Every structure is written in C-alpha cells, then in structure tokens.
C-alpha cells in the first residue's frame, strides 16, 4: 500500500507516526513534539539564498538580466515579501521563517484515520506496532521521535517551478529506520497524524 503520491508536487497530506511518551494526553504531546517543525514558527533572522531556477524565474518575471543580481535584489521585497541583498554567496533574502518547517497544519488521523491496524483513536503502543505483522505494509512517510528527530522516507527537492527530484530511501532501509525508532522508544506510544505541507 502506498501512503503518498508518486507525484510530490500534487501531494500535500503525509502519513506521519509521532512517537509520544507513555503517559499524558496524546493531543497535547503531539502538539509539543511537532512544534519545532511548524512552518509558521518564527526564528532569528537568517539569510536564505535563492537557487538558480528561482533567479531565472524572477528575472523573467521582472524582465531583468538574470546575472544582474543587484537589480534583482531591489525587487526581493516584492517577490518574496522579505528584504534582501547580494553577497559573495549570491542573491538572498532575510527571513524569520523556520528552516526546519515541515508542516503548515496537521490532524490526528485525518486522511490516515485507521491506517495503523490495532490502534484505538489513532494511538497504539510502540511495542504493539513494532510486533504488528502489518507494519511493513503500513509504513508512514515520516516518523517524529519524542527527542525531536524527524525521520523521512523520501524528500522532494525542487529545481524549478513544478519540477524537482525525489530522494527516496529503499523500502528495506526505511523499514529498518522505523523499527529502530520504535525499539529505541519501546515504552512509548505512536500517534498516526495527517501532516499537510
């Protein structure tokens, strides 16, 4: 069973297993575990450098030479909503958006409601999930550990507008990573969450 689209540009909902402690309200624990990965979380200002495809697209939009980075820098506030500039690394804008952001909203269960066999209200003990004969056929796209580690089966890297590449781990390697995360958190619980990004 495939849990997300083969076409990442169209995919927005991802099955995510959030590992939480053995005690406490699952919803509260999920909130706390996912908080560092919120795309809307503001961080200290930092420079975000534009990729070449972004520069080409921006130059075309403003009818400017793509090599005239200073002219493009003057348009960054209009283009991305943040001021920017040029340094020896290239064209950048200054932002406070979370560079670790992985989601803009989520819902426990959501489109993946009932995906984990044996779970009650989308919560199952780590041990029960680890020993489930269904685990290898019902793997998530992401796993988030109580310690704040974000594990992923595949990631999309854009290299143009509506284009890019996928780096995907082999299924057997991903299964091993998931089971190791479950084993390392054997006394915990797992919540199935629908992550949107």
N, C-alpha and C. Protein backbone atom coordinates (compact mmCIF):
# COMPACT_ATOMS: atom_id res chain seq x y z
N UNK A 1 0.85 -1.18 0.00
CA UNK A 1 0.00 0.00 0.00
C UNK A 1 0.89 1.24 0.00
N UNK A 2 0.67 2.13 -0.93
CA UNK A 2 1.44 3.37 -1.00
C UNK A 2 0.70 4.44 -0.21
N UNK A 3 1.42 5.16 0.61
CA UNK A 3 0.80 6.09 1.53
C UNK A 3 0.91 7.54 1.11
N UNK A 4 1.51 7.78 -0.03
CA UNK A 4 1.58 9.13 -0.56
C UNK A 4 1.82 9.06 -2.05
N UNK A 5 1.60 10.16 -2.71
CA UNK A 5 1.61 10.20 -4.17
C UNK A 5 2.99 10.00 -4.76
N UNK A 6 3.04 9.39 -5.92
CA UNK A 6 4.30 9.29 -6.67
C UNK A 6 4.64 10.64 -7.31
N UNK A 7 3.69 11.56 -7.28
CA UNK A 7 3.90 12.89 -7.85
C UNK A 7 3.90 13.90 -6.71
N UNK A 8 5.08 14.21 -6.14
CA UNK A 8 5.14 15.02 -4.94
C UNK A 8 4.58 16.42 -5.10
N UNK A 9 4.56 16.94 -6.30
CA UNK A 9 4.05 18.29 -6.50
C UNK A 9 2.55 18.33 -6.19
N UNK A 10 1.87 17.19 -6.34
CA UNK A 10 0.44 17.13 -6.07
C UNK A 10 0.15 16.64 -4.66
N UNK A 11 1.13 16.08 -4.01
CA UNK A 11 0.94 15.52 -2.68
C UNK A 11 1.03 16.62 -1.64
N UNK A 12 0.10 16.60 -0.71
CA UNK A 12 0.14 17.57 0.37
C UNK A 12 -0.10 16.93 1.72
N UNK A 13 -0.70 15.76 1.76
CA UNK A 13 -1.01 15.09 3.02
C UNK A 13 -0.10 13.88 3.18
N UNK A 14 0.59 13.81 4.31
CA UNK A 14 1.55 12.73 4.54
C UNK A 14 1.24 12.00 5.83
N UNK A 15 1.26 10.69 5.77
CA UNK A 15 1.09 9.86 6.95
C UNK A 15 2.35 9.99 7.80
N UNK A 16 2.15 10.36 9.05
CA UNK A 16 3.27 10.59 9.96
C UNK A 16 3.01 9.86 11.27
N UNK A 17 4.00 9.10 11.72
CA UNK A 17 3.92 8.46 13.03
C UNK A 17 4.67 9.35 14.01
N UNK A 18 3.95 9.90 14.98
CA UNK A 18 4.55 10.73 16.02
C UNK A 18 4.65 9.87 17.27
N UNK A 19 5.88 9.64 17.72
CA UNK A 19 6.11 8.83 18.92
C UNK A 19 6.03 9.77 20.12
N UNK A 20 5.18 9.40 21.09
CA UNK A 20 4.97 10.23 22.28
C UNK A 20 5.22 9.38 23.52
N UNK A 21 5.32 10.03 24.66
CA UNK A 21 5.55 9.34 25.92
C UNK A 21 4.40 8.41 26.29
N UNK A 22 4.65 7.54 27.29
CA UNK A 22 3.65 6.56 27.69
C UNK A 22 2.47 7.15 28.46
N UNK A 23 2.65 8.32 29.04
CA UNK A 23 1.61 8.96 29.85
C UNK A 23 1.28 10.33 29.27
N UNK A 24 0.08 10.78 29.53
CA UNK A 24 -0.33 12.11 29.12
C UNK A 24 -1.28 12.09 27.94
N UNK A 25 -1.88 13.25 27.72
CA UNK A 25 -2.85 13.43 26.65
C UNK A 25 -2.16 13.38 25.29
N UNK A 26 -2.56 12.44 24.42
CA UNK A 26 -1.90 12.33 23.11
C UNK A 26 -1.91 13.63 22.31
N UNK A 27 -3.02 14.34 22.32
CA UNK A 27 -3.10 15.57 21.53
C UNK A 27 -2.08 16.60 22.00
N UNK A 28 -1.97 16.78 23.31
CA UNK A 28 -1.00 17.73 23.87
C UNK A 28 0.42 17.31 23.55
N UNK A 29 0.70 16.02 23.68
CA UNK A 29 2.05 15.53 23.40
C UNK A 29 2.40 15.66 21.92
N UNK A 30 1.44 15.45 21.03
CA UNK A 30 1.68 15.64 19.60
C UNK A 30 1.97 17.11 19.32
N UNK A 31 1.20 18.01 19.91
CA UNK A 31 1.43 19.45 19.74
C UNK A 31 2.87 19.79 20.10
N UNK A 32 3.32 19.32 21.26
CA UNK A 32 4.67 19.64 21.73
C UNK A 32 5.75 19.01 20.86
N UNK A 33 5.52 17.80 20.40
CA UNK A 33 6.53 17.10 19.59
C UNK A 33 6.66 17.72 18.21
N UNK A 34 5.55 18.15 17.63
CA UNK A 34 5.58 18.72 16.28
C UNK A 34 5.92 20.21 16.24
N UNK A 35 5.84 20.89 17.38
CA UNK A 35 6.03 22.35 17.41
C UNK A 35 7.31 22.84 16.73
N UNK A 36 8.48 22.20 16.95
CA UNK A 36 9.70 22.72 16.30
C UNK A 36 9.68 22.63 14.78
N UNK A 37 8.75 21.88 14.22
CA UNK A 37 8.70 21.67 12.77
C UNK A 37 7.59 22.47 12.09
N UNK A 38 6.97 23.39 12.82
CA UNK A 38 5.91 24.23 12.30
C UNK A 38 6.51 25.23 11.31
N UNK A 39 5.99 25.25 10.08
CA UNK A 39 6.50 26.19 9.07
C UNK A 39 6.30 27.64 9.49
N UNK A 40 5.30 27.91 10.34
CA UNK A 40 4.99 29.29 10.75
C UNK A 40 5.79 29.74 11.97
N UNK A 41 6.57 28.86 12.56
CA UNK A 41 7.38 29.20 13.73
C UNK A 41 8.42 30.25 13.34
N UNK A 42 8.42 31.36 14.04
CA UNK A 42 9.39 32.43 13.74
C UNK A 42 10.71 32.13 14.44
N UNK A 43 11.80 32.34 13.73
CA UNK A 43 13.14 32.12 14.26
C UNK A 43 13.95 33.41 14.09
N UNK A 44 15.16 33.42 14.62
CA UNK A 44 16.03 34.58 14.44
C UNK A 44 16.27 34.81 12.94
N UNK A 45 16.36 36.05 12.51
CA UNK A 45 16.57 36.33 11.08
C UNK A 45 17.82 35.63 10.54
N UNK A 46 17.70 35.12 9.33
CA UNK A 46 18.83 34.47 8.66
C UNK A 46 18.69 34.71 7.16
N UNK A 47 19.78 34.47 6.45
CA UNK A 47 19.79 34.66 5.00
C UNK A 47 19.40 33.37 4.29
N UNK A 48 18.45 33.50 3.40
CA UNK A 48 18.00 32.38 2.57
C UNK A 48 18.42 32.71 1.14
N UNK A 49 19.29 31.87 0.59
CA UNK A 49 19.82 32.12 -0.75
C UNK A 49 18.92 31.51 -1.81
N UNK A 50 18.70 32.26 -2.88
CA UNK A 50 17.87 31.78 -3.97
C UNK A 50 18.64 30.78 -4.82
N UNK A 51 17.95 29.74 -5.23
CA UNK A 51 18.51 28.75 -6.15
C UNK A 51 18.52 29.36 -7.55
N UNK A 52 19.32 28.80 -8.43
CA UNK A 52 19.44 29.33 -9.79
C UNK A 52 18.08 29.36 -10.51
N UNK A 53 17.28 28.31 -10.36
CA UNK A 53 15.99 28.30 -11.04
C UNK A 53 15.09 29.42 -10.53
N UNK A 54 15.23 29.79 -9.24
CA UNK A 54 14.43 30.87 -8.68
C UNK A 54 14.88 32.22 -9.26
N UNK A 55 16.18 32.37 -9.43
CA UNK A 55 16.72 33.60 -10.01
C UNK A 55 16.25 33.76 -11.45
N UNK A 56 16.31 32.67 -12.22
CA UNK A 56 15.87 32.71 -13.62
C UNK A 56 14.40 33.09 -13.69
N UNK A 57 13.59 32.47 -12.87
CA UNK A 57 12.16 32.75 -12.87
C UNK A 57 11.86 34.20 -12.49
N UNK A 58 12.57 34.67 -11.45
CA UNK A 58 12.38 36.04 -11.00
C UNK A 58 12.81 37.04 -12.08
N UNK A 59 13.96 36.80 -12.70
CA UNK A 59 14.46 37.69 -13.76
C UNK A 59 13.47 37.75 -14.93
N UNK A 60 12.94 36.61 -15.29
CA UNK A 60 11.97 36.56 -16.39
C UNK A 60 10.72 37.36 -16.03
N UNK A 61 10.25 37.20 -14.80
CA UNK A 61 9.05 37.91 -14.36
C UNK A 61 9.24 39.43 -14.43
N UNK A 62 10.40 39.91 -13.97
CA UNK A 62 10.66 41.35 -13.94
C UNK A 62 11.34 41.86 -15.21
N UNK A 63 11.56 40.96 -16.17
CA UNK A 63 12.22 41.33 -17.43
C UNK A 63 13.59 41.96 -17.17
N UNK A 64 14.36 41.29 -16.30
CA UNK A 64 15.71 41.73 -15.95
C UNK A 64 16.71 40.66 -16.35
N UNK A 65 17.95 41.05 -16.48
CA UNK A 65 19.03 40.11 -16.76
C UNK A 65 19.26 39.25 -15.52
N UNK A 66 19.25 37.95 -15.67
CA UNK A 66 19.42 37.05 -14.53
C UNK A 66 20.78 37.19 -13.86
N UNK A 67 21.74 37.78 -14.53
CA UNK A 67 23.08 37.96 -13.97
C UNK A 67 23.21 39.28 -13.21
N UNK A 68 22.21 40.14 -13.33
CA UNK A 68 22.23 41.42 -12.62
C UNK A 68 21.56 41.23 -11.25
N UNK A 69 22.31 40.62 -10.34
CA UNK A 69 21.75 40.28 -9.03
C UNK A 69 21.36 41.51 -8.22
N UNK A 70 22.09 42.61 -8.39
CA UNK A 70 21.76 43.82 -7.63
C UNK A 70 20.39 44.37 -8.05
N UNK A 71 20.09 44.33 -9.33
CA UNK A 71 18.77 44.78 -9.80
C UNK A 71 17.68 43.84 -9.27
N UNK A 72 17.97 42.56 -9.27
CA UNK A 72 17.00 41.60 -8.74
C UNK A 72 16.81 41.79 -7.24
N UNK A 73 17.89 42.10 -6.52
CA UNK A 73 17.80 42.30 -5.07
C UNK A 73 16.84 43.43 -4.72
N UNK A 74 16.79 44.45 -5.58
CA UNK A 74 15.87 45.56 -5.34
C UNK A 74 14.41 45.13 -5.42
N UNK A 75 14.14 44.00 -6.05
CA UNK A 75 12.76 43.51 -6.22
C UNK A 75 12.40 42.39 -5.22
N UNK A 76 13.34 42.00 -4.38
CA UNK A 76 13.08 40.86 -3.49
C UNK A 76 11.89 41.07 -2.55
N UNK A 77 11.77 42.27 -1.99
CA UNK A 77 10.65 42.51 -1.08
C UNK A 77 9.31 42.29 -1.78
N UNK A 78 9.24 42.68 -3.04
CA UNK A 78 8.03 42.44 -3.82
C UNK A 78 7.88 40.96 -4.18
N UNK A 79 8.98 40.31 -4.50
CA UNK A 79 8.97 38.93 -4.98
C UNK A 79 8.67 37.92 -3.88
N UNK A 80 9.36 38.04 -2.74
CA UNK A 80 9.20 37.05 -1.67
C UNK A 80 8.61 37.63 -0.39
N UNK A 81 8.46 38.95 -0.35
CA UNK A 81 7.89 39.56 0.84
C UNK A 81 8.91 39.84 1.93
N UNK A 82 10.19 39.70 1.61
CA UNK A 82 11.27 39.93 2.58
C UNK A 82 12.36 40.75 1.90
N UNK A 83 13.03 41.64 2.66
CA UNK A 83 14.15 42.37 2.07
C UNK A 83 15.33 41.45 1.84
N UNK A 84 16.20 41.86 0.94
CA UNK A 84 17.35 41.01 0.65
C UNK A 84 18.53 41.78 0.13
N UNK A 85 19.44 41.06 -0.48
CA UNK A 85 20.64 41.68 -0.99
C UNK A 85 21.48 40.67 -1.75
N UNK A 86 22.73 41.06 -1.97
CA UNK A 86 23.68 40.22 -2.68
C UNK A 86 24.97 40.20 -1.86
N UNK A 87 25.54 39.04 -1.70
CA UNK A 87 26.86 38.92 -1.12
C UNK A 87 27.66 37.93 -1.96
N UNK A 88 28.82 37.53 -1.49
CA UNK A 88 29.66 36.65 -2.32
C UNK A 88 29.04 35.29 -2.57
N UNK A 89 28.06 34.88 -1.76
CA UNK A 89 27.37 33.60 -1.98
C UNK A 89 26.22 33.72 -2.97
N UNK A 90 25.77 34.96 -3.21
CA UNK A 90 24.70 35.13 -4.18
C UNK A 90 23.57 36.00 -3.70
N UNK A 91 22.43 35.84 -4.35
CA UNK A 91 21.22 36.61 -4.08
C UNK A 91 20.50 35.98 -2.89
N UNK A 92 20.14 36.80 -1.91
CA UNK A 92 19.49 36.27 -0.71
C UNK A 92 18.38 37.20 -0.25
N UNK A 93 17.51 36.66 0.58
CA UNK A 93 16.57 37.49 1.32
C UNK A 93 16.69 37.10 2.78
N UNK A 94 16.36 38.03 3.65
CA UNK A 94 16.42 37.79 5.08
C UNK A 94 15.03 37.40 5.55
N UNK A 95 14.95 36.30 6.27
CA UNK A 95 13.66 35.78 6.69
C UNK A 95 13.71 35.29 8.13
N UNK A 96 12.55 35.15 8.72
CA UNK A 96 12.43 34.55 10.05
C UNK A 96 11.59 33.27 9.98
N UNK A 97 11.33 32.77 8.76
CA UNK A 97 10.57 31.52 8.62
C UNK A 97 11.43 30.34 9.05
N UNK A 98 10.82 29.37 9.65
CA UNK A 98 11.51 28.22 10.22
C UNK A 98 12.18 27.36 9.14
N UNK A 99 13.51 27.27 9.13
CA UNK A 99 14.18 26.43 8.13
C UNK A 99 13.94 24.94 8.36
N UNK A 100 13.49 24.57 9.56
CA UNK A 100 13.16 23.18 9.86
C UNK A 100 11.67 22.89 9.66
N UNK A 101 10.93 23.87 9.15
CA UNK A 101 9.49 23.71 8.97
C UNK A 101 9.15 22.56 8.02
N UNK A 102 8.24 21.70 8.47
CA UNK A 102 7.82 20.55 7.67
C UNK A 102 6.31 20.49 7.50
N UNK A 103 5.55 21.32 8.24
CA UNK A 103 4.10 21.25 8.14
C UNK A 103 3.50 22.64 8.34
N UNK A 104 2.33 22.85 7.72
CA UNK A 104 1.59 24.08 7.98
C UNK A 104 0.32 23.81 8.79
N UNK A 105 -0.16 22.59 8.74
CA UNK A 105 -1.21 22.15 9.66
C UNK A 105 -1.24 20.64 9.68
N UNK A 106 -1.89 20.10 10.68
CA UNK A 106 -1.98 18.65 10.81
C UNK A 106 -3.26 18.29 11.55
N UNK A 107 -3.57 17.01 11.50
CA UNK A 107 -4.75 16.49 12.20
C UNK A 107 -4.45 15.06 12.61
N UNK A 108 -4.76 14.73 13.86
CA UNK A 108 -4.59 13.34 14.29
C UNK A 108 -5.57 12.50 13.48
N UNK A 109 -5.07 11.45 12.87
CA UNK A 109 -5.88 10.60 12.00
C UNK A 109 -6.03 11.23 10.63
N UNK A 110 -6.97 12.13 10.50
CA UNK A 110 -7.19 12.81 9.22
C UNK A 110 -7.43 11.81 8.10
N UNK A 111 -6.77 12.01 6.99
CA UNK A 111 -6.90 11.10 5.86
C UNK A 111 -6.34 9.72 6.16
N UNK A 112 -5.57 9.61 7.23
CA UNK A 112 -4.94 8.33 7.60
C UNK A 112 -5.66 7.70 8.79
N UNK A 113 -6.87 8.16 9.08
CA UNK A 113 -7.65 7.61 10.18
C UNK A 113 -7.80 6.10 9.99
N UNK A 114 -7.39 5.32 10.98
CA UNK A 114 -7.50 3.87 10.91
C UNK A 114 -6.37 3.19 10.16
N UNK A 115 -5.37 3.93 9.73
CA UNK A 115 -4.26 3.38 8.94
C UNK A 115 -3.42 2.38 9.74
N UNK A 116 -3.20 2.69 11.03
CA UNK A 116 -2.43 1.77 11.88
C UNK A 116 -3.37 0.69 12.40
N UNK A 117 -3.18 -0.51 11.94
CA UNK A 117 -4.02 -1.62 12.37
C UNK A 117 -3.82 -1.88 13.87
N UNK A 118 -4.91 -2.00 14.60
CA UNK A 118 -4.86 -2.26 16.03
C UNK A 118 -4.85 -1.01 16.89
N UNK A 119 -4.81 0.16 16.29
CA UNK A 119 -4.79 1.42 17.05
C UNK A 119 -6.20 1.79 17.49
N UNK A 120 -6.28 2.45 18.64
CA UNK A 120 -7.55 2.98 19.13
C UNK A 120 -7.45 4.49 19.05
N UNK A 121 -8.35 5.09 18.27
CA UNK A 121 -8.35 6.54 18.06
C UNK A 121 -6.99 7.02 17.57
N UNK A 122 -6.38 6.21 16.70
CA UNK A 122 -5.10 6.52 16.05
C UNK A 122 -3.91 6.54 16.99
N UNK A 123 -4.04 5.86 18.13
CA UNK A 123 -2.94 5.74 19.09
C UNK A 123 -2.72 4.26 19.37
N UNK A 124 -1.46 3.84 19.38
CA UNK A 124 -1.11 2.45 19.64
C UNK A 124 0.20 2.42 20.42
N UNK A 125 0.39 1.41 21.23
CA UNK A 125 1.67 1.30 21.94
C UNK A 125 2.78 1.01 20.95
N UNK A 126 3.94 1.49 21.26
CA UNK A 126 5.09 1.28 20.38
C UNK A 126 5.37 -0.21 20.22
N UNK A 127 5.28 -0.95 21.31
CA UNK A 127 5.53 -2.40 21.25
C UNK A 127 4.52 -3.11 20.34
N UNK A 128 3.24 -2.74 20.47
CA UNK A 128 2.22 -3.38 19.64
C UNK A 128 2.44 -3.08 18.16
N UNK A 129 2.80 -1.85 17.86
CA UNK A 129 3.07 -1.51 16.46
C UNK A 129 4.31 -2.22 15.96
N UNK A 130 5.34 -2.27 16.80
CA UNK A 130 6.61 -2.91 16.40
C UNK A 130 6.42 -4.38 16.07
N UNK A 131 5.54 -5.07 16.80
CA UNK A 131 5.34 -6.51 16.59
C UNK A 131 4.19 -6.82 15.63
N UNK A 132 3.54 -5.78 15.12
CA UNK A 132 2.42 -5.99 14.21
C UNK A 132 2.89 -6.59 12.88
N UNK A 133 2.20 -7.63 12.40
CA UNK A 133 2.54 -8.18 11.09
C UNK A 133 2.19 -7.21 9.96
N UNK A 134 1.43 -6.16 10.27
CA UNK A 134 1.00 -5.18 9.26
C UNK A 134 1.99 -4.03 9.09
N UNK A 135 2.97 -3.92 9.99
CA UNK A 135 3.86 -2.76 9.97
C UNK A 135 4.53 -2.55 8.62
N UNK A 136 5.12 -3.60 8.07
CA UNK A 136 5.88 -3.42 6.82
C UNK A 136 5.00 -2.98 5.65
N UNK A 137 3.71 -3.23 5.74
CA UNK A 137 2.79 -2.83 4.67
C UNK A 137 2.08 -1.51 4.97
N UNK A 138 2.32 -0.96 6.16
CA UNK A 138 1.66 0.27 6.57
C UNK A 138 2.68 1.24 7.17
N UNK A 139 3.74 1.48 6.44
CA UNK A 139 4.76 2.41 6.91
C UNK A 139 4.34 3.85 6.63
N UNK A 140 4.78 4.77 7.47
CA UNK A 140 4.47 6.18 7.24
C UNK A 140 5.46 6.82 6.28
N UNK A 141 5.19 8.04 5.92
CA UNK A 141 6.16 8.83 5.16
C UNK A 141 7.20 9.41 6.12
N UNK A 142 6.74 9.82 7.32
CA UNK A 142 7.62 10.42 8.32
C UNK A 142 7.43 9.75 9.67
N UNK A 143 8.48 9.82 10.49
CA UNK A 143 8.42 9.44 11.90
C UNK A 143 9.06 10.58 12.68
N UNK A 144 8.41 10.99 13.77
CA UNK A 144 8.97 12.02 14.64
C UNK A 144 9.12 11.41 16.03
N UNK A 145 10.33 11.50 16.58
CA UNK A 145 10.61 10.90 17.88
C UNK A 145 10.36 11.90 19.00
N UNK A 146 10.20 11.40 20.24
CA UNK A 146 10.00 12.31 21.37
C UNK A 146 11.18 13.25 21.58
N UNK A 147 12.37 12.84 21.15
CA UNK A 147 13.55 13.68 21.28
C UNK A 147 13.68 14.74 20.21
N UNK A 148 12.73 14.78 19.28
CA UNK A 148 12.74 15.83 18.27
C UNK A 148 13.46 15.47 16.98
N UNK A 149 13.65 14.19 16.72
CA UNK A 149 14.27 13.78 15.47
C UNK A 149 13.18 13.53 14.43
N UNK A 150 13.36 14.12 13.24
CA UNK A 150 12.42 13.96 12.13
C UNK A 150 13.05 12.99 11.14
N UNK A 151 12.44 11.84 10.97
CA UNK A 151 12.91 10.83 10.02
C UNK A 151 11.98 10.84 8.82
N UNK A 152 12.54 10.63 7.63
CA UNK A 152 11.69 10.66 6.45
C UNK A 152 12.08 9.61 5.43
N UNK A 153 11.04 9.06 4.80
CA UNK A 153 11.23 8.04 3.77
C UNK A 153 11.72 8.67 2.48
N UNK A 154 11.14 9.78 2.15
CA UNK A 154 11.57 10.47 0.93
C UNK A 154 11.41 11.96 1.11
N UNK A 155 12.15 12.68 0.28
CA UNK A 155 12.09 14.13 0.32
C UNK A 155 12.12 14.67 -1.10
N UNK A 156 11.34 15.70 -1.32
CA UNK A 156 11.28 16.37 -2.61
C UNK A 156 12.19 17.59 -2.58
N UNK A 157 13.06 17.70 -3.58
CA UNK A 157 13.96 18.84 -3.72
C UNK A 157 13.59 19.57 -5.01
N UNK A 158 13.01 20.77 -4.89
CA UNK A 158 12.62 21.49 -6.10
C UNK A 158 13.85 21.96 -6.87
N UNK A 159 13.74 21.95 -8.18
CA UNK A 159 14.80 22.52 -9.02
C UNK A 159 14.19 23.37 -10.13
N UNK A 160 12.96 23.72 -9.93
CA UNK A 160 12.26 24.57 -10.87
C UNK A 160 10.82 24.68 -10.45
N UNK A 161 10.08 25.55 -11.12
CA UNK A 161 8.67 25.69 -10.80
C UNK A 161 7.94 24.42 -11.24
N UNK A 162 7.32 23.74 -10.29
CA UNK A 162 6.60 22.48 -10.55
C UNK A 162 7.52 21.38 -11.07
N UNK A 163 8.77 21.41 -10.70
CA UNK A 163 9.66 20.32 -11.07
C UNK A 163 10.68 20.13 -9.96
N UNK A 164 11.30 18.98 -9.97
CA UNK A 164 12.30 18.68 -8.95
C UNK A 164 12.65 17.22 -8.96
N UNK A 165 13.32 16.82 -7.92
CA UNK A 165 13.72 15.42 -7.81
C UNK A 165 13.32 14.89 -6.44
N UNK A 166 13.16 13.59 -6.39
CA UNK A 166 12.83 12.92 -5.13
C UNK A 166 14.03 12.08 -4.73
N UNK A 167 14.41 12.21 -3.48
CA UNK A 167 15.40 11.30 -2.92
C UNK A 167 14.62 10.38 -1.98
N UNK A 168 14.59 9.11 -2.34
CA UNK A 168 13.79 8.13 -1.60
C UNK A 168 14.68 7.01 -1.11
N UNK A 169 14.54 6.71 0.17
CA UNK A 169 15.30 5.60 0.74
C UNK A 169 14.69 4.29 0.27
N UNK A 170 15.50 3.26 0.07
CA UNK A 170 14.94 1.95 -0.26
C UNK A 170 13.99 1.50 0.86
N UNK A 171 12.93 0.80 0.48
CA UNK A 171 11.92 0.40 1.45
C UNK A 171 12.49 -0.41 2.61
N UNK A 172 13.45 -1.30 2.34
CA UNK A 172 14.01 -2.10 3.43
C UNK A 172 14.80 -1.24 4.41
N UNK A 173 15.50 -0.22 3.92
CA UNK A 173 16.22 0.70 4.80
C UNK A 173 15.24 1.51 5.63
N UNK A 174 14.16 1.97 5.00
CA UNK A 174 13.15 2.75 5.72
C UNK A 174 12.48 1.90 6.80
N UNK A 175 12.15 0.66 6.49
CA UNK A 175 11.57 -0.23 7.48
C UNK A 175 12.53 -0.38 8.66
N UNK A 176 13.80 -0.54 8.38
CA UNK A 176 14.80 -0.68 9.45
C UNK A 176 14.86 0.59 10.32
N UNK A 177 14.82 1.76 9.69
CA UNK A 177 14.85 3.02 10.45
C UNK A 177 13.61 3.16 11.33
N UNK A 178 12.45 2.80 10.79
CA UNK A 178 11.22 2.90 11.56
C UNK A 178 11.27 1.94 12.75
N UNK A 179 11.66 0.70 12.51
CA UNK A 179 11.71 -0.27 13.61
C UNK A 179 12.75 0.12 14.66
N UNK A 180 13.87 0.69 14.24
CA UNK A 180 14.87 1.16 15.21
C UNK A 180 14.30 2.28 16.07
N UNK A 181 13.57 3.21 15.45
CA UNK A 181 12.95 4.30 16.22
C UNK A 181 11.93 3.74 17.21
N UNK A 182 11.17 2.74 16.78
CA UNK A 182 10.20 2.11 17.69
C UNK A 182 10.92 1.39 18.82
N UNK A 183 11.98 0.65 18.50
CA UNK A 183 12.74 -0.07 19.52
C UNK A 183 13.37 0.88 20.53
N UNK A 184 13.87 2.01 20.08
CA UNK A 184 14.51 2.98 20.97
C UNK A 184 13.50 3.68 21.88
N UNK A 185 12.23 3.57 21.54
CA UNK A 185 11.16 4.20 22.32
C UNK A 185 10.12 3.16 22.70
N UNK A 186 10.61 2.02 23.18
CA UNK A 186 9.76 0.84 23.40
C UNK A 186 8.64 1.05 24.41
N UNK A 187 8.81 1.96 25.34
CA UNK A 187 7.79 2.18 26.37
C UNK A 187 6.83 3.31 25.99
N UNK A 188 6.88 3.75 24.78
CA UNK A 188 6.09 4.91 24.34
C UNK A 188 4.83 4.50 23.58
N UNK A 189 4.19 5.50 23.00
CA UNK A 189 3.03 5.29 22.14
C UNK A 189 3.28 5.97 20.80
N UNK A 190 2.52 5.55 19.81
CA UNK A 190 2.62 6.13 18.47
C UNK A 190 1.25 6.68 18.09
N UNK A 191 1.24 7.89 17.55
CA UNK A 191 0.02 8.53 17.09
C UNK A 191 0.13 8.71 15.58
N UNK A 192 -0.91 8.29 14.86
CA UNK A 192 -0.94 8.47 13.41
C UNK A 192 -1.50 9.87 13.12
N UNK A 193 -0.70 10.67 12.44
CA UNK A 193 -1.04 12.07 12.19
C UNK A 193 -1.01 12.34 10.69
N UNK A 194 -1.97 13.11 10.23
CA UNK A 194 -2.04 13.57 8.85
C UNK A 194 -1.34 14.93 8.81
N UNK A 195 -0.14 14.94 8.22
CA UNK A 195 0.66 16.17 8.11
C UNK A 195 0.39 16.80 6.75
N UNK A 196 0.14 18.10 6.74
CA UNK A 196 -0.05 18.83 5.49
C UNK A 196 1.12 19.78 5.29
N UNK A 197 1.69 19.76 4.07
CA UNK A 197 2.73 20.75 3.75
C UNK A 197 2.74 21.00 2.26
